[in-house]
Amino acid sequence: MTFETDISEERADGIVSAARTSLGDTLRAVVYFTPSSFDLLYRRQDLYDSIDTAREAKSQLVEFERTGFAERPIRTTIARMGGGPDIGPYEFTVRFHENGFVIRILQGDAGVLFTADSMDVNAFEDAASAISKLLAEER
């Protein structure tokens, strides 16, 4: 597979595996992105006719979620300004929609988005934690 980002095939496989292990068949799509490009690593076959259709559908979502690169350090700083115990650094975002979820994980200059059907939200923490560890590994 050819990637537009600098992600290795091994890392891409690991990210998809972590999301699939935690979320199973509820997983819709997995996208790896940087400030300038993105790769669709996984798409559930029943949702899109082709990889191009899926990529086009995810492109606007990626553009919106790229704001997280600027937002993450601000969220962490604000969390520590309360005067009492802080809530810790920003870890990941879960966006709730009527029929599913969008989850964003950022680490350095890389991020992963994954979408899932409606389900128990506890599995997101498992998936986000596993993906965060993979993103933190040296490239």
N, C-alpha and C. Protein backbone atom coordinates (compact mmCIF):
# COMPACT_ATOMS: atom_id res chain seq x y z
N MET A 1 0.85 -1.18 0.00
CA MET A 1 0.00 0.00 0.00
C MET A 1 0.89 1.24 0.00
N THR A 2 0.53 2.24 -0.78
CA THR A 2 1.26 3.50 -0.84
C THR A 2 0.56 4.51 0.05
N PHE A 3 1.33 5.21 0.87
CA PHE A 3 0.78 6.19 1.80
C PHE A 3 1.18 7.60 1.40
N GLU A 4 0.29 8.56 1.65
CA GLU A 4 0.58 9.97 1.42
C GLU A 4 1.32 10.59 2.60
N THR A 5 1.15 10.02 3.77
CA THR A 5 1.88 10.47 4.96
C THR A 5 3.14 9.63 5.07
N ASP A 6 3.90 9.85 6.12
CA ASP A 6 5.13 9.07 6.29
C ASP A 6 4.93 7.83 7.17
N ILE A 7 3.69 7.39 7.34
CA ILE A 7 3.42 6.23 8.18
C ILE A 7 3.94 4.96 7.51
N SER A 8 4.51 4.09 8.32
CA SER A 8 4.98 2.81 7.78
C SER A 8 3.81 1.83 7.71
N GLU A 9 3.95 0.84 6.88
CA GLU A 9 2.91 -0.17 6.76
C GLU A 9 2.73 -0.91 8.09
N GLU A 10 3.83 -1.14 8.80
CA GLU A 10 3.77 -1.82 10.09
C GLU A 10 2.96 -0.99 11.11
N ARG A 11 3.23 0.30 11.17
CA ARG A 11 2.49 1.16 12.09
C ARG A 11 1.02 1.25 11.69
N ALA A 12 0.74 1.38 10.41
CA ALA A 12 -0.65 1.43 9.92
C ALA A 12 -1.39 0.16 10.33
N ASP A 13 -0.77 -0.98 10.12
CA ASP A 13 -1.40 -2.26 10.50
C ASP A 13 -1.64 -2.33 12.00
N GLY A 14 -0.69 -1.83 12.78
CA GLY A 14 -0.83 -1.84 14.24
C GLY A 14 -1.98 -0.97 14.71
N ILE A 15 -2.14 0.19 14.10
CA ILE A 15 -3.23 1.11 14.46
C ILE A 15 -4.58 0.48 14.13
N VAL A 16 -4.69 -0.07 12.94
CA VAL A 16 -5.96 -0.71 12.55
C VAL A 16 -6.25 -1.89 13.47
N SER A 17 -5.23 -2.68 13.76
CA SER A 17 -5.41 -3.83 14.64
C SER A 17 -5.88 -3.41 16.04
N ALA A 18 -5.28 -2.35 16.58
CA ALA A 18 -5.69 -1.86 17.91
C ALA A 18 -7.15 -1.41 17.90
N ALA A 19 -7.55 -0.69 16.86
CA ALA A 19 -8.94 -0.22 16.78
C ALA A 19 -9.90 -1.40 16.59
N ARG A 20 -9.56 -2.32 15.71
CA ARG A 20 -10.42 -3.49 15.46
C ARG A 20 -10.54 -4.37 16.70
N THR A 21 -9.44 -4.55 17.42
CA THR A 21 -9.46 -5.38 18.63
C THR A 21 -10.39 -4.78 19.68
N SER A 22 -10.34 -3.47 19.85
CA SER A 22 -11.16 -2.80 20.87
C SER A 22 -12.61 -2.62 20.45
N LEU A 23 -12.84 -2.37 19.17
CA LEU A 23 -14.18 -1.97 18.72
C LEU A 23 -14.89 -3.02 17.87
N GLY A 24 -14.17 -3.98 17.36
CA GLY A 24 -14.79 -5.05 16.58
C GLY A 24 -15.51 -4.54 15.35
N ASP A 25 -16.66 -5.14 15.07
CA ASP A 25 -17.41 -4.81 13.85
C ASP A 25 -18.11 -3.46 13.90
N THR A 26 -18.07 -2.78 15.04
CA THR A 26 -18.66 -1.44 15.10
C THR A 26 -17.75 -0.40 14.46
N LEU A 27 -16.48 -0.74 14.24
CA LEU A 27 -15.53 0.17 13.62
C LEU A 27 -15.94 0.46 12.19
N ARG A 28 -16.00 1.73 11.84
CA ARG A 28 -16.38 2.14 10.49
C ARG A 28 -15.17 2.48 9.63
N ALA A 29 -14.28 3.31 10.17
CA ALA A 29 -13.12 3.77 9.40
C ALA A 29 -12.01 4.18 10.34
N VAL A 30 -10.75 4.10 9.84
CA VAL A 30 -9.58 4.56 10.57
C VAL A 30 -8.77 5.43 9.63
N VAL A 31 -8.44 6.64 10.08
CA VAL A 31 -7.69 7.60 9.28
C VAL A 31 -6.46 8.05 10.07
N TYR A 32 -5.30 8.01 9.45
CA TYR A 32 -4.08 8.56 10.02
C TYR A 32 -3.85 9.89 9.33
N PHE A 33 -3.52 10.94 10.11
CA PHE A 33 -3.35 12.25 9.49
C PHE A 33 -2.24 13.05 10.15
N THR A 34 -1.71 13.97 9.37
CA THR A 34 -0.70 14.92 9.81
C THR A 34 -1.25 16.31 9.49
N PRO A 35 -0.52 17.36 9.84
CA PRO A 35 -1.03 18.69 9.48
C PRO A 35 -1.21 18.91 7.98
N SER A 36 -0.55 18.11 7.13
CA SER A 36 -0.62 18.37 5.70
C SER A 36 -1.20 17.25 4.83
N SER A 37 -1.38 16.04 5.36
CA SER A 37 -1.91 14.96 4.53
C SER A 37 -2.60 13.92 5.39
N PHE A 38 -3.25 12.96 4.73
CA PHE A 38 -3.90 11.89 5.47
C PHE A 38 -3.98 10.62 4.64
N ASP A 39 -4.12 9.51 5.36
CA ASP A 39 -4.30 8.21 4.73
C ASP A 39 -5.48 7.50 5.36
N LEU A 40 -6.32 6.95 4.54
CA LEU A 40 -7.42 6.12 5.01
C LEU A 40 -6.86 4.72 5.19
N LEU A 41 -6.71 4.29 6.44
CA LEU A 41 -6.09 3.01 6.73
C LEU A 41 -7.07 1.85 6.69
N TYR A 42 -8.33 2.15 7.00
CA TYR A 42 -9.35 1.09 7.06
C TYR A 42 -10.70 1.70 6.75
N ARG A 43 -11.51 0.97 6.02
CA ARG A 43 -12.91 1.34 5.81
C ARG A 43 -13.73 0.08 5.83
N ARG A 44 -14.84 0.14 6.52
CA ARG A 44 -15.72 -1.03 6.54
C ARG A 44 -16.37 -1.13 5.16
N GLN A 45 -16.31 -2.31 4.57
CA GLN A 45 -16.73 -2.52 3.19
C GLN A 45 -18.19 -2.17 2.91
N ASP A 46 -19.07 -2.32 3.90
CA ASP A 46 -20.49 -2.08 3.65
C ASP A 46 -20.87 -0.60 3.64
N LEU A 47 -19.92 0.29 3.91
CA LEU A 47 -20.26 1.71 4.03
C LEU A 47 -19.91 2.56 2.82
N TYR A 48 -18.91 2.17 2.06
CA TYR A 48 -18.47 2.97 0.92
C TYR A 48 -18.28 2.07 -0.29
N ASP A 49 -18.63 2.60 -1.46
CA ASP A 49 -18.48 1.84 -2.70
C ASP A 49 -17.02 1.63 -3.08
N SER A 50 -16.18 2.61 -2.75
CA SER A 50 -14.78 2.52 -3.14
C SER A 50 -13.92 3.27 -2.14
N ILE A 51 -12.64 3.06 -2.23
CA ILE A 51 -11.69 3.77 -1.38
C ILE A 51 -11.73 5.26 -1.69
N ASP A 52 -11.93 5.62 -2.97
CA ASP A 52 -12.00 7.04 -3.34
C ASP A 52 -13.22 7.72 -2.73
N THR A 53 -14.35 7.04 -2.73
CA THR A 53 -15.57 7.59 -2.12
C THR A 53 -15.36 7.78 -0.62
N ALA A 54 -14.76 6.80 0.02
CA ALA A 54 -14.51 6.89 1.46
C ALA A 54 -13.52 8.01 1.75
N ARG A 55 -12.48 8.11 0.96
CA ARG A 55 -11.47 9.16 1.17
C ARG A 55 -12.08 10.55 1.01
N GLU A 56 -12.91 10.72 0.01
CA GLU A 56 -13.58 12.00 -0.19
C GLU A 56 -14.48 12.33 1.00
N ALA A 57 -15.21 11.33 1.49
CA ALA A 57 -16.10 11.54 2.63
C ALA A 57 -15.31 11.93 3.88
N LYS A 58 -14.13 11.38 4.07
CA LYS A 58 -13.33 11.66 5.27
C LYS A 58 -12.51 12.93 5.17
N SER A 59 -12.31 13.46 3.98
CA SER A 59 -11.42 14.61 3.82
C SER A 59 -11.88 15.83 4.61
N GLN A 60 -13.18 16.14 4.62
CA GLN A 60 -13.67 17.29 5.38
C GLN A 60 -13.55 17.05 6.88
N LEU A 61 -13.79 15.83 7.31
CA LEU A 61 -13.65 15.49 8.72
C LEU A 61 -12.19 15.68 9.16
N VAL A 62 -11.26 15.25 8.35
CA VAL A 62 -9.84 15.41 8.67
C VAL A 62 -9.51 16.90 8.75
N GLU A 63 -9.97 17.68 7.80
CA GLU A 63 -9.70 19.13 7.83
C GLU A 63 -10.17 19.74 9.13
N PHE A 64 -11.35 19.40 9.57
CA PHE A 64 -11.89 19.92 10.82
C PHE A 64 -11.07 19.46 12.02
N GLU A 65 -10.71 18.19 12.06
CA GLU A 65 -10.01 17.63 13.21
C GLU A 65 -8.55 18.06 13.29
N ARG A 66 -7.99 18.57 12.22
CA ARG A 66 -6.62 19.08 12.26
C ARG A 66 -6.48 20.26 13.22
N THR A 67 -7.57 20.93 13.52
CA THR A 67 -7.51 22.03 14.49
C THR A 67 -7.00 21.55 15.84
N GLY A 68 -7.11 20.27 16.09
CA GLY A 68 -6.64 19.70 17.34
C GLY A 68 -5.15 19.89 17.58
N PHE A 69 -4.35 19.99 16.52
CA PHE A 69 -2.91 20.19 16.71
C PHE A 69 -2.64 21.51 17.44
N ALA A 70 -3.43 22.55 17.15
CA ALA A 70 -3.29 23.82 17.86
C ALA A 70 -4.03 23.81 19.19
N GLU A 71 -5.11 23.08 19.26
CA GLU A 71 -5.99 23.06 20.43
C GLU A 71 -5.43 22.24 21.59
N ARG A 72 -4.73 21.16 21.32
CA ARG A 72 -4.26 20.24 22.36
C ARG A 72 -3.44 20.92 23.45
N PRO A 73 -2.41 21.72 23.13
CA PRO A 73 -1.63 22.33 24.20
C PRO A 73 -2.44 23.34 25.02
N ILE A 74 -3.38 24.00 24.37
CA ILE A 74 -4.23 24.96 25.07
C ILE A 74 -5.14 24.23 26.04
N ARG A 75 -5.73 23.13 25.63
CA ARG A 75 -6.59 22.35 26.53
C ARG A 75 -5.82 21.84 27.75
N THR A 76 -4.60 21.40 27.54
CA THR A 76 -3.79 20.92 28.66
C THR A 76 -3.47 22.07 29.61
N THR A 77 -3.11 23.22 29.08
CA THR A 77 -2.81 24.39 29.92
C THR A 77 -4.03 24.81 30.72
N ILE A 78 -5.18 24.90 30.09
CA ILE A 78 -6.41 25.30 30.77
C ILE A 78 -6.76 24.31 31.88
N ALA A 79 -6.56 23.04 31.62
CA ALA A 79 -6.88 22.01 32.61
C ALA A 79 -6.05 22.17 33.88
N ARG A 80 -4.89 22.79 33.77
CA ARG A 80 -3.99 22.95 34.91
C ARG A 80 -4.14 24.31 35.60
N MET A 81 -5.02 25.18 35.13
CA MET A 81 -5.13 26.54 35.65
C MET A 81 -6.22 26.71 36.70
N GLY A 82 -6.90 25.68 37.09
CA GLY A 82 -8.05 25.81 37.97
C GLY A 82 -7.76 26.16 39.41
N GLY A 83 -6.52 26.11 39.86
CA GLY A 83 -6.20 26.42 41.24
C GLY A 83 -6.32 25.22 42.15
N GLY A 84 -7.04 24.22 41.76
CA GLY A 84 -7.16 22.98 42.53
C GLY A 84 -6.48 21.87 41.77
N PRO A 85 -6.85 20.65 42.09
CA PRO A 85 -6.25 19.53 41.34
C PRO A 85 -6.59 19.63 39.86
N ASP A 86 -5.57 19.48 39.03
CA ASP A 86 -5.85 19.57 37.59
C ASP A 86 -6.39 18.24 37.08
N ILE A 87 -6.98 18.29 35.90
CA ILE A 87 -7.55 17.07 35.32
C ILE A 87 -6.57 16.35 34.42
N GLY A 88 -5.35 16.87 34.32
CA GLY A 88 -4.31 16.22 33.54
C GLY A 88 -4.29 16.67 32.10
N PRO A 89 -3.30 16.20 31.36
CA PRO A 89 -3.17 16.60 29.95
C PRO A 89 -4.27 16.02 29.08
N TYR A 90 -4.51 16.70 27.99
CA TYR A 90 -5.47 16.24 26.99
C TYR A 90 -5.04 14.86 26.47
N GLU A 91 -5.99 13.94 26.32
CA GLU A 91 -5.68 12.61 25.81
C GLU A 91 -6.33 12.33 24.46
N PHE A 92 -7.65 12.42 24.37
CA PHE A 92 -8.34 12.17 23.11
C PHE A 92 -9.73 12.78 23.17
N THR A 93 -10.36 12.90 22.02
CA THR A 93 -11.68 13.49 21.90
C THR A 93 -12.66 12.45 21.37
N VAL A 94 -13.83 12.40 21.97
CA VAL A 94 -14.92 11.57 21.45
C VAL A 94 -16.07 12.51 21.12
N ARG A 95 -16.50 12.47 19.87
CA ARG A 95 -17.65 13.28 19.44
C ARG A 95 -18.84 12.34 19.24
N PHE A 96 -19.91 12.65 19.95
CA PHE A 96 -21.11 11.83 19.89
C PHE A 96 -22.02 12.34 18.79
N HIS A 97 -22.49 11.45 17.95
CA HIS A 97 -23.46 11.76 16.91
C HIS A 97 -24.67 10.84 17.09
N GLU A 98 -25.74 11.13 16.43
CA GLU A 98 -26.96 10.34 16.59
C GLU A 98 -26.74 8.85 16.33
N ASN A 99 -25.96 8.53 15.29
CA ASN A 99 -25.79 7.13 14.91
C ASN A 99 -24.37 6.62 15.04
N GLY A 100 -23.54 7.32 15.79
CA GLY A 100 -22.17 6.85 15.95
C GLY A 100 -21.27 7.87 16.58
N PHE A 101 -19.95 7.61 16.48
CA PHE A 101 -18.95 8.41 17.15
C PHE A 101 -17.78 8.71 16.23
N VAL A 102 -17.11 9.84 16.50
CA VAL A 102 -15.83 10.18 15.88
C VAL A 102 -14.85 10.33 17.03
N ILE A 103 -13.74 9.65 16.95
CA ILE A 103 -12.72 9.69 18.00
C ILE A 103 -11.43 10.20 17.38
N ARG A 104 -10.79 11.16 18.08
CA ARG A 104 -9.53 11.74 17.59
C ARG A 104 -8.45 11.57 18.66
N ILE A 105 -7.30 11.06 18.25
CA ILE A 105 -6.14 10.90 19.11
C ILE A 105 -4.99 11.64 18.44
N LEU A 106 -4.27 12.47 19.20
CA LEU A 106 -3.14 13.22 18.66
C LEU A 106 -1.89 12.90 19.46
N GLN A 107 -0.77 12.84 18.76
CA GLN A 107 0.53 12.62 19.40
C GLN A 107 1.56 13.31 18.51
N GLY A 108 2.18 14.36 19.02
CA GLY A 108 3.15 15.09 18.21
C GLY A 108 2.48 15.66 16.96
N ASP A 109 3.08 15.37 15.80
CA ASP A 109 2.53 15.88 14.54
C ASP A 109 1.73 14.82 13.78
N ALA A 110 1.18 13.85 14.52
CA ALA A 110 0.37 12.80 13.89
C ALA A 110 -0.92 12.62 14.68
N GLY A 111 -1.94 12.20 13.97
CA GLY A 111 -3.21 11.94 14.62
C GLY A 111 -3.91 10.76 13.97
N VAL A 112 -4.85 10.21 14.70
CA VAL A 112 -5.69 9.14 14.18
C VAL A 112 -7.13 9.50 14.48
N LEU A 113 -7.96 9.35 13.48
CA LEU A 113 -9.41 9.47 13.63
C LEU A 113 -9.98 8.09 13.39
N PHE A 114 -10.95 7.72 14.19
CA PHE A 114 -11.70 6.54 13.82
C PHE A 114 -13.16 6.80 14.09
N THR A 115 -13.99 6.19 13.29
CA THR A 115 -15.43 6.33 13.44
C THR A 115 -16.00 4.96 13.79
N ALA A 116 -17.09 5.00 14.54
CA ALA A 116 -17.71 3.75 15.00
C ALA A 116 -19.20 3.93 15.11
N ASP A 117 -19.90 2.82 15.00
CA ASP A 117 -21.34 2.81 15.22
C ASP A 117 -21.62 3.11 16.69
N SER A 118 -22.87 3.39 17.02
CA SER A 118 -23.26 3.58 18.41
C SER A 118 -22.93 2.32 19.20
N MET A 119 -22.38 2.51 20.40
CA MET A 119 -21.96 1.38 21.22
C MET A 119 -21.60 1.88 22.61
N ASP A 120 -21.18 0.97 23.48
CA ASP A 120 -20.70 1.30 24.81
C ASP A 120 -19.39 2.09 24.68
N VAL A 121 -19.32 3.25 25.32
CA VAL A 121 -18.16 4.12 25.13
C VAL A 121 -16.89 3.65 25.84
N ASN A 122 -16.96 2.69 26.72
CA ASN A 122 -15.76 2.22 27.43
C ASN A 122 -14.71 1.65 26.48
N ALA A 123 -15.12 1.08 25.38
CA ALA A 123 -14.17 0.51 24.43
C ALA A 123 -13.30 1.59 23.78
N PHE A 124 -13.79 2.83 23.73
CA PHE A 124 -13.01 3.91 23.12
C PHE A 124 -11.72 4.16 23.90
N GLU A 125 -11.80 4.11 25.22
CA GLU A 125 -10.60 4.33 26.02
C GLU A 125 -9.56 3.25 25.72
N ASP A 126 -9.99 2.01 25.59
CA ASP A 126 -9.06 0.93 25.25
C ASP A 126 -8.39 1.19 23.90
N ALA A 127 -9.20 1.53 22.91
CA ALA A 127 -8.66 1.78 21.57
C ALA A 127 -7.75 3.00 21.57
N ALA A 128 -8.18 4.09 22.20
CA ALA A 128 -7.37 5.32 22.22
C ALA A 128 -6.05 5.09 22.94
N SER A 129 -6.07 4.36 24.03
CA SER A 129 -4.84 4.08 24.77
C SER A 129 -3.86 3.27 23.93
N ALA A 130 -4.34 2.23 23.28
CA ALA A 130 -3.48 1.40 22.44
C ALA A 130 -2.92 2.19 21.26
N ILE A 131 -3.75 3.01 20.63
CA ILE A 131 -3.30 3.81 19.48
C ILE A 131 -2.32 4.88 19.93
N SER A 132 -2.57 5.51 21.08
CA SER A 132 -1.65 6.52 21.60
C SER A 132 -0.26 5.94 21.81
N LYS A 133 -0.19 4.73 22.35
CA LYS A 133 1.11 4.07 22.54
C LYS A 133 1.80 3.84 21.21
N LEU A 134 1.05 3.43 20.19
CA LEU A 134 1.64 3.21 18.88
C LEU A 134 2.14 4.51 18.27
N LEU A 135 1.38 5.58 18.44
CA LEU A 135 1.79 6.88 17.90
C LEU A 135 3.03 7.42 18.62
N ALA A 136 3.16 7.11 19.90
CA ALA A 136 4.29 7.62 20.69
C ALA A 136 5.61 6.91 20.35
N GLU A 137 5.53 5.71 19.79
CA GLU A 137 6.74 4.99 19.42
C GLU A 137 7.49 5.78 18.35
N GLU A 138 8.82 5.69 18.39
CA GLU A 138 9.60 6.37 17.37
C GLU A 138 9.26 5.84 15.99
N ARG A 139 9.27 6.72 15.05
CA ARG A 139 8.91 6.33 13.68
C ARG A 139 10.00 5.56 13.08
